[in-house]
Amino acid sequence: MIEYVDREQLDIVRWDERVQRAEGFKHYYLSYYLDHATEKWAALVCDDYEWVWPLPFKSNIVKWVFQPLLCQQLGPIGRALSAKEWTEAISIINRHFSWFNVKFNDILNELPLPNQETHRNIELDLSPSYDRLLPAYKRNIRSNLKKFEKSGALVKEDASYRSWAVEGFQATKGHDIPELDASFYRQVESIYRVFQSRSAAKTYLALHEDELVAQLMLLEAGQRSLVFFTHASDRAREIGAMHALIDHAIKERAGESGALLDFEGSDNDNLAYFYQSFGGEERVYLQAGTKSILHTLKDRFIP
């Protein structure tokens, strides 16, 4: 039986155990990640937590399920749904919400929904030793690593500097992205802090002549490392600092059976190329949902 359950009624211990054991596990499914990535969420739960489906939502006259900016992939997780379960699950969602739009987990190659879009993520299997991963680096990566070394810059781990990347990005690239308001940056800090409280957050710094020039923030969950947030100054780009930080993160966990680095992107071709230059492989995930009432009326009555 599939039930709609409010966040407050969920057995969070069982929830987190279920999602962490599941094929296709992503950080975004963890209860403490969701609690800080969105103000409100409910869920579908099948039987004895056989599978679950988190439903972040907003309400303003009507309620709708949306994809939080800091959650790349969601949808059902735990085991594959039957055709009957898909029908029932979507029916329940439609009873509780006016519409929904979800970016689904990349383990789902097909969806029983119309108007699907595709997105791209890049992941790197860290199971091989670093000596085996290094030859897969493209020439531009190797060149920038040499440039970083010659510059005399250093890589250091220090989580106390986490705000530098957030504030730096907000003042530069983030300044031109209207969707990234003050609440978004508060959520970034909040998510990082809750992982840090569980000893599951890492921050790598690039220092050049005692100046902080680049930062890489990682979140850890099981064998999965997530590139959560990054920022680099103009000087960092000149000396290949971000290349060095990612290389350092790869070196840290290389050779661990089942370890994986999730680059969390990207549909941007240049960024995807950068991540793939480390040997990362493309993973496609799907987006789909029902249209809002307004969209339906527009399609029907406005030519």
Protein backbone atom coordinates (compact mmCIF):
# COMPACT_ATOMS: atom_id res chain seq x y z
CA MET A 1 0.00 0.00 0.00
CA ILE A 2 1.22 3.48 -0.87
CA GLU A 3 0.62 6.21 1.69
CA TYR A 4 1.01 9.98 1.61
CA VAL A 5 2.89 10.93 4.81
CA ASP A 6 3.64 14.39 6.19
CA ARG A 7 7.26 15.05 7.13
CA GLU A 8 6.43 15.13 10.83
CA GLN A 9 4.92 11.63 10.68
CA LEU A 10 7.83 9.92 8.92
CA ASP A 11 10.06 7.44 10.70
CA ILE A 12 13.25 9.33 9.87
CA VAL A 13 15.61 6.61 11.11
CA ARG A 14 14.02 4.07 8.78
CA TRP A 15 13.83 6.66 6.00
CA ASP A 16 17.56 7.37 6.07
CA GLU A 17 18.40 3.68 6.38
CA ARG A 18 16.22 2.91 3.36
CA VAL A 19 17.65 5.59 1.06
CA GLN A 20 21.27 4.95 2.03
CA ARG A 21 20.93 1.24 1.15
CA ALA A 22 19.15 1.91 -2.13
CA GLU A 23 20.54 1.63 -5.61
CA GLY A 24 20.89 5.11 -7.00
CA PHE A 25 21.42 6.70 -3.58
CA LYS A 26 22.04 10.46 -3.71
CA HIS A 27 22.71 12.89 -0.85
CA TYR A 28 19.50 14.77 -1.67
CA TYR A 29 17.30 11.96 -0.29
CA LEU A 30 18.67 12.15 3.25
CA SER A 31 16.13 13.60 5.68
CA TYR A 32 18.61 16.09 7.10
CA TYR A 33 19.55 17.27 3.60
CA LEU A 34 15.89 17.77 2.63
CA ASP A 35 15.11 19.52 5.92
CA HIS A 36 17.62 22.24 5.04
CA ALA A 37 17.12 22.36 1.25
CA THR A 38 13.40 23.18 1.41
CA GLU A 39 10.96 24.62 3.91
CA LYS A 40 8.29 21.93 3.47
CA TRP A 41 8.25 18.37 2.24
CA ALA A 42 6.07 15.30 2.51
CA ALA A 43 6.53 11.84 1.00
CA LEU A 44 5.01 8.74 -0.49
CA VAL A 45 5.90 5.60 1.45
CA CYS A 46 5.21 2.11 0.12
CA ASP A 47 4.41 -0.61 2.66
CA ASP A 48 7.26 -1.13 5.13
CA TYR A 49 9.47 1.60 3.57
CA GLU A 50 10.10 -0.65 0.55
CA TRP A 51 10.40 2.48 -1.51
CA VAL A 52 9.94 6.16 -0.73
CA TRP A 53 9.41 9.33 -2.74
CA PRO A 54 10.20 12.73 -1.17
CA LEU A 55 7.87 15.54 -2.22
CA PRO A 56 9.23 19.04 -1.56
CA PHE A 57 6.37 21.47 -2.04
CA LYS A 58 5.29 25.09 -2.00
CA SER A 59 1.86 26.48 -1.29
CA ASN A 60 0.38 29.80 -2.34
CA ILE A 61 -3.38 29.44 -2.84
CA VAL A 62 -2.54 26.03 -4.37
CA LYS A 63 0.11 23.43 -3.53
CA TRP A 64 2.64 22.10 -6.00
CA VAL A 65 5.66 19.78 -5.90
CA PHE A 66 8.84 21.45 -7.07
CA GLN A 67 12.53 20.66 -7.44
CA PRO A 68 14.62 22.56 -4.85
CA LEU A 69 17.62 24.32 -6.39
CA LEU A 70 19.98 22.31 -4.20
CA CYS A 71 18.44 18.92 -5.06
CA GLN A 72 19.58 17.77 -8.48
CA GLN A 73 17.68 14.47 -8.51
CA LEU A 74 14.74 13.10 -6.53
CA GLY A 75 11.73 10.88 -7.34
CA PRO A 76 11.12 7.36 -5.98
CA ILE A 77 13.97 5.33 -4.53
CA GLY A 78 14.26 1.95 -2.83
CA ARG A 79 13.18 -0.53 -5.49
CA ALA A 80 11.66 -0.39 -8.98
CA LEU A 81 7.98 0.55 -9.12
CA SER A 82 5.50 -1.62 -11.02
CA ALA A 83 3.27 0.00 -13.64
CA LYS A 84 0.38 -0.22 -11.17
CA GLU A 85 2.42 1.50 -8.46
CA TRP A 86 3.39 4.32 -10.81
CA THR A 87 -0.26 4.90 -11.64
CA GLU A 88 -1.27 4.86 -7.98
CA ALA A 89 1.62 7.09 -6.91
CA ILE A 90 0.88 9.73 -9.53
CA SER A 91 -2.82 9.59 -8.66
CA ILE A 92 -2.03 10.25 -4.98
CA ILE A 93 0.26 13.15 -5.86
CA ASN A 94 -2.43 14.64 -8.08
CA ARG A 95 -4.95 14.43 -5.22
CA HIS A 96 -2.68 16.40 -2.90
CA PHE A 97 -1.10 18.85 -5.33
CA SER A 98 -2.21 20.99 -8.27
CA TRP A 99 0.83 19.98 -10.30
CA PHE A 100 4.32 18.58 -9.96
CA ASN A 101 7.61 18.80 -11.81
CA VAL A 102 10.43 16.46 -10.81
CA LYS A 103 13.99 15.75 -11.89
CA PHE A 104 14.15 11.99 -11.37
CA ASN A 105 16.94 9.71 -10.23
CA ASP A 106 19.31 8.64 -13.01
CA ILE A 107 18.55 4.95 -12.35
CA LEU A 108 15.16 5.57 -14.05
CA ASN A 109 15.66 5.22 -17.79
CA GLU A 110 11.93 5.41 -18.57
CA LEU A 111 9.06 7.33 -17.01
CA PRO A 112 5.29 6.91 -17.48
CA LEU A 113 4.96 10.68 -17.93
CA PRO A 114 4.74 12.97 -20.97
CA ASN A 115 6.87 15.99 -21.91
CA GLN A 116 10.16 14.57 -20.67
CA GLU A 117 13.41 16.51 -20.66
CA THR A 118 16.93 15.14 -20.31
CA HIS A 119 19.73 16.45 -18.13
CA ARG A 120 23.36 15.53 -17.63
CA ASN A 121 25.46 14.73 -14.59
CA ILE A 122 29.12 13.69 -14.44
CA GLU A 123 30.45 11.05 -12.03
CA LEU A 124 33.88 9.51 -11.51
CA ASP A 125 34.44 5.98 -10.19
CA LEU A 126 37.18 6.26 -7.57
CA SER A 127 37.63 2.51 -7.07
CA PRO A 128 40.81 2.32 -9.21
CA SER A 129 44.08 3.47 -7.67
CA TYR A 130 45.21 7.05 -8.30
CA ASP A 131 47.96 5.71 -10.58
CA ARG A 132 45.25 4.19 -12.77
CA LEU A 133 42.98 7.27 -12.66
CA LEU A 134 45.70 9.76 -13.53
CA PRO A 135 46.30 8.57 -17.13
CA ALA A 136 42.63 9.34 -17.92
CA TYR A 137 43.19 13.06 -17.22
CA LYS A 138 43.10 15.13 -20.39
CA ARG A 139 46.09 17.23 -21.41
CA ASN A 140 44.57 20.49 -20.16
CA ILE A 141 44.21 19.03 -16.66
CA ARG A 142 47.79 17.83 -16.56
CA SER A 143 49.00 21.20 -17.82
CA ASN A 144 47.10 23.11 -15.14
CA LEU A 145 48.34 20.78 -12.39
CA LYS A 146 51.93 21.53 -13.43
CA LYS A 147 51.10 25.25 -13.54
CA PHE A 148 49.70 25.09 -10.00
CA GLU A 149 52.79 23.29 -8.72
CA LYS A 150 55.17 25.77 -10.35
CA SER A 151 53.25 28.70 -8.86
CA GLY A 152 54.17 27.54 -5.37
CA ALA A 153 50.50 27.38 -4.35
CA LEU A 154 49.33 24.87 -1.74
CA VAL A 155 46.23 22.78 -1.07
CA LYS A 156 44.96 22.72 2.49
CA GLU A 157 41.92 21.30 4.24
CA ASP A 158 40.12 23.70 6.60
CA ALA A 159 36.34 23.69 7.01
CA SER A 160 36.36 27.00 8.87
CA TYR A 161 36.67 28.85 5.56
CA ARG A 162 33.40 27.52 4.12
CA SER A 163 31.74 30.98 3.88
CA TRP A 164 34.46 32.31 1.57
CA ALA A 165 33.18 30.35 -1.44
CA VAL A 166 29.54 31.19 -0.77
CA GLU A 167 30.17 34.90 -0.29
CA GLY A 168 32.58 35.06 -3.23
CA PHE A 169 30.20 33.32 -5.61
CA GLN A 170 27.29 35.47 -4.44
CA ALA A 171 29.23 38.64 -5.19
CA THR A 172 30.40 37.52 -8.65
CA LYS A 173 28.68 34.85 -10.76
CA GLY A 174 25.69 34.57 -8.45
CA HIS A 175 25.01 38.28 -8.74
CA ASP A 176 23.62 37.75 -12.26
CA ILE A 177 21.37 34.79 -11.41
CA PRO A 178 18.06 36.15 -10.05
CA GLU A 179 16.90 32.71 -8.83
CA LEU A 180 19.72 32.65 -6.30
CA ASP A 181 18.32 34.88 -3.59
CA ALA A 182 19.46 35.28 0.02
CA SER A 183 17.52 32.20 1.14
CA PHE A 184 19.46 30.05 -1.34
CA TYR A 185 22.79 30.99 0.22
CA ARG A 186 21.40 30.43 3.70
CA GLN A 187 20.37 26.94 2.61
CA VAL A 188 23.88 26.25 1.29
CA GLU A 189 25.38 27.21 4.65
CA SER A 190 22.72 25.28 6.55
CA ILE A 191 23.19 22.06 4.56
CA TYR A 192 26.96 22.27 4.92
CA ARG A 193 26.73 22.82 8.68
CA VAL A 194 24.46 19.80 9.24
CA PHE A 195 26.90 17.56 7.33
CA GLN A 196 29.80 19.14 9.19
CA SER A 197 28.09 18.30 12.50
CA ARG A 198 28.13 14.67 11.36
CA SER A 199 31.82 14.83 10.35
CA ALA A 200 30.67 14.39 6.75
CA ALA A 201 31.80 17.69 5.20
CA LYS A 202 35.20 18.63 3.81
CA THR A 203 36.55 21.91 2.53
CA TYR A 204 39.72 22.11 0.43
CA LEU A 205 41.48 25.43 -0.02
CA ALA A 206 44.00 26.63 -2.58
CA LEU A 207 46.43 29.16 -1.10
CA HIS A 208 48.76 31.26 -3.25
CA GLU A 209 51.26 33.51 -1.47
CA ASP A 210 49.16 33.10 1.69
CA GLU A 211 46.03 34.31 -0.13
CA LEU A 212 42.94 32.12 -0.40
CA VAL A 213 42.17 31.87 -4.12
CA ALA A 214 39.87 28.83 -4.51
CA GLN A 215 37.66 26.60 -2.43
CA LEU A 216 36.00 23.23 -2.94
CA MET A 217 33.25 22.09 -0.55
CA LEU A 218 32.45 18.36 -0.45
CA LEU A 219 29.68 16.44 1.29
CA GLU A 220 30.23 12.79 2.19
CA ALA A 221 27.60 10.07 2.49
CA GLY A 222 28.73 6.47 2.55
CA GLN A 223 30.97 5.89 -0.43
CA ARG A 224 29.68 8.92 -2.30
CA SER A 225 31.40 12.34 -2.32
CA LEU A 226 29.37 15.26 -3.67
CA VAL A 227 30.91 18.43 -5.12
CA PHE A 228 28.57 20.72 -3.24
CA PHE A 229 29.93 24.22 -3.83
CA THR A 230 33.00 25.81 -5.41
CA HIS A 231 34.46 29.23 -6.05
CA ALA A 232 37.67 30.50 -7.63
CA SER A 233 39.19 33.96 -7.98
CA ASP A 234 40.72 35.31 -11.18
CA ARG A 235 44.15 34.44 -9.81
CA ALA A 236 43.01 30.87 -9.17
CA ARG A 237 42.04 30.49 -12.80
CA GLU A 238 45.47 31.72 -13.89
CA ILE A 239 47.30 29.05 -11.87
CA GLY A 240 44.87 26.12 -12.26
CA ALA A 241 43.81 26.12 -8.60
CA MET A 242 40.44 24.41 -9.07
CA HIS A 243 42.11 21.68 -11.13
CA ALA A 244 44.44 21.08 -8.18
CA LEU A 245 41.61 20.99 -5.63
CA ILE A 246 39.62 18.41 -7.59
CA ASP A 247 42.77 16.35 -8.20
CA HIS A 248 43.42 16.43 -4.45
CA ALA A 249 39.88 15.24 -3.68
CA ILE A 250 40.30 12.40 -6.19
CA LYS A 251 43.64 11.40 -4.70
CA GLU A 252 42.16 11.35 -1.17
CA ARG A 253 39.66 8.56 -1.93
CA ALA A 254 41.20 6.84 -4.95
CA GLY A 255 41.45 3.09 -4.52
CA GLU A 256 38.46 2.78 -2.16
CA SER A 257 36.13 0.03 -3.35
CA GLY A 258 32.82 1.54 -4.48
CA ALA A 259 33.92 5.14 -3.87
CA LEU A 260 32.48 7.69 -6.27
CA LEU A 261 32.88 11.43 -6.89
CA ASP A 262 29.67 13.15 -7.98
CA PHE A 263 30.50 16.39 -9.80
CA GLU A 264 26.82 17.44 -9.70
CA GLY A 265 26.79 18.74 -13.26
CA SER A 266 26.34 19.81 -15.76
CA ASP A 267 24.00 20.82 -18.58
CA ASN A 268 26.56 23.54 -19.27
CA ASP A 269 28.82 22.13 -21.98
CA ASN A 270 31.97 23.88 -20.77
CA LEU A 271 31.52 22.73 -17.19
CA ALA A 272 30.69 19.19 -18.30
CA TYR A 273 33.85 19.11 -20.42
CA PHE A 274 35.89 20.29 -17.42
CA TYR A 275 34.57 17.47 -15.23
CA GLN A 276 34.92 14.87 -17.97
CA SER A 277 38.53 15.96 -18.39
CA PHE A 278 39.24 14.19 -15.09
CA GLY A 279 37.87 10.95 -16.54
CA GLY A 280 34.31 11.52 -15.37
CA GLU A 281 31.47 9.76 -17.18
CA GLU A 282 28.12 11.18 -18.22
CA ARG A 283 24.93 10.06 -16.48
CA VAL A 284 21.60 11.15 -17.98
CA TYR A 285 18.59 11.85 -15.77
CA LEU A 286 15.03 12.74 -16.73
CA GLN A 287 12.66 15.54 -15.79
CA ALA A 288 8.88 15.30 -16.14
CA GLY A 289 5.61 16.12 -14.43
CA THR A 290 2.12 17.45 -14.89
CA LYS A 291 1.37 20.94 -16.11
CA SER A 292 -0.09 23.58 -13.88
CA ILE A 293 -3.70 24.73 -14.28
CA LEU A 294 -2.47 27.98 -15.82
CA HIS A 295 -0.36 26.15 -18.40
CA THR A 296 -3.27 23.88 -19.28
CA LEU A 297 -5.62 26.83 -19.82
CA LYS A 298 -3.02 28.63 -21.92
CA ASP A 299 -2.51 25.58 -24.15
CA ARG A 300 -6.26 25.14 -24.57
CA PHE A 301 -7.40 28.70 -25.18
CA ILE A 302 -4.42 30.76 -26.38
CA PRO A 303 -3.23 29.95 -29.90
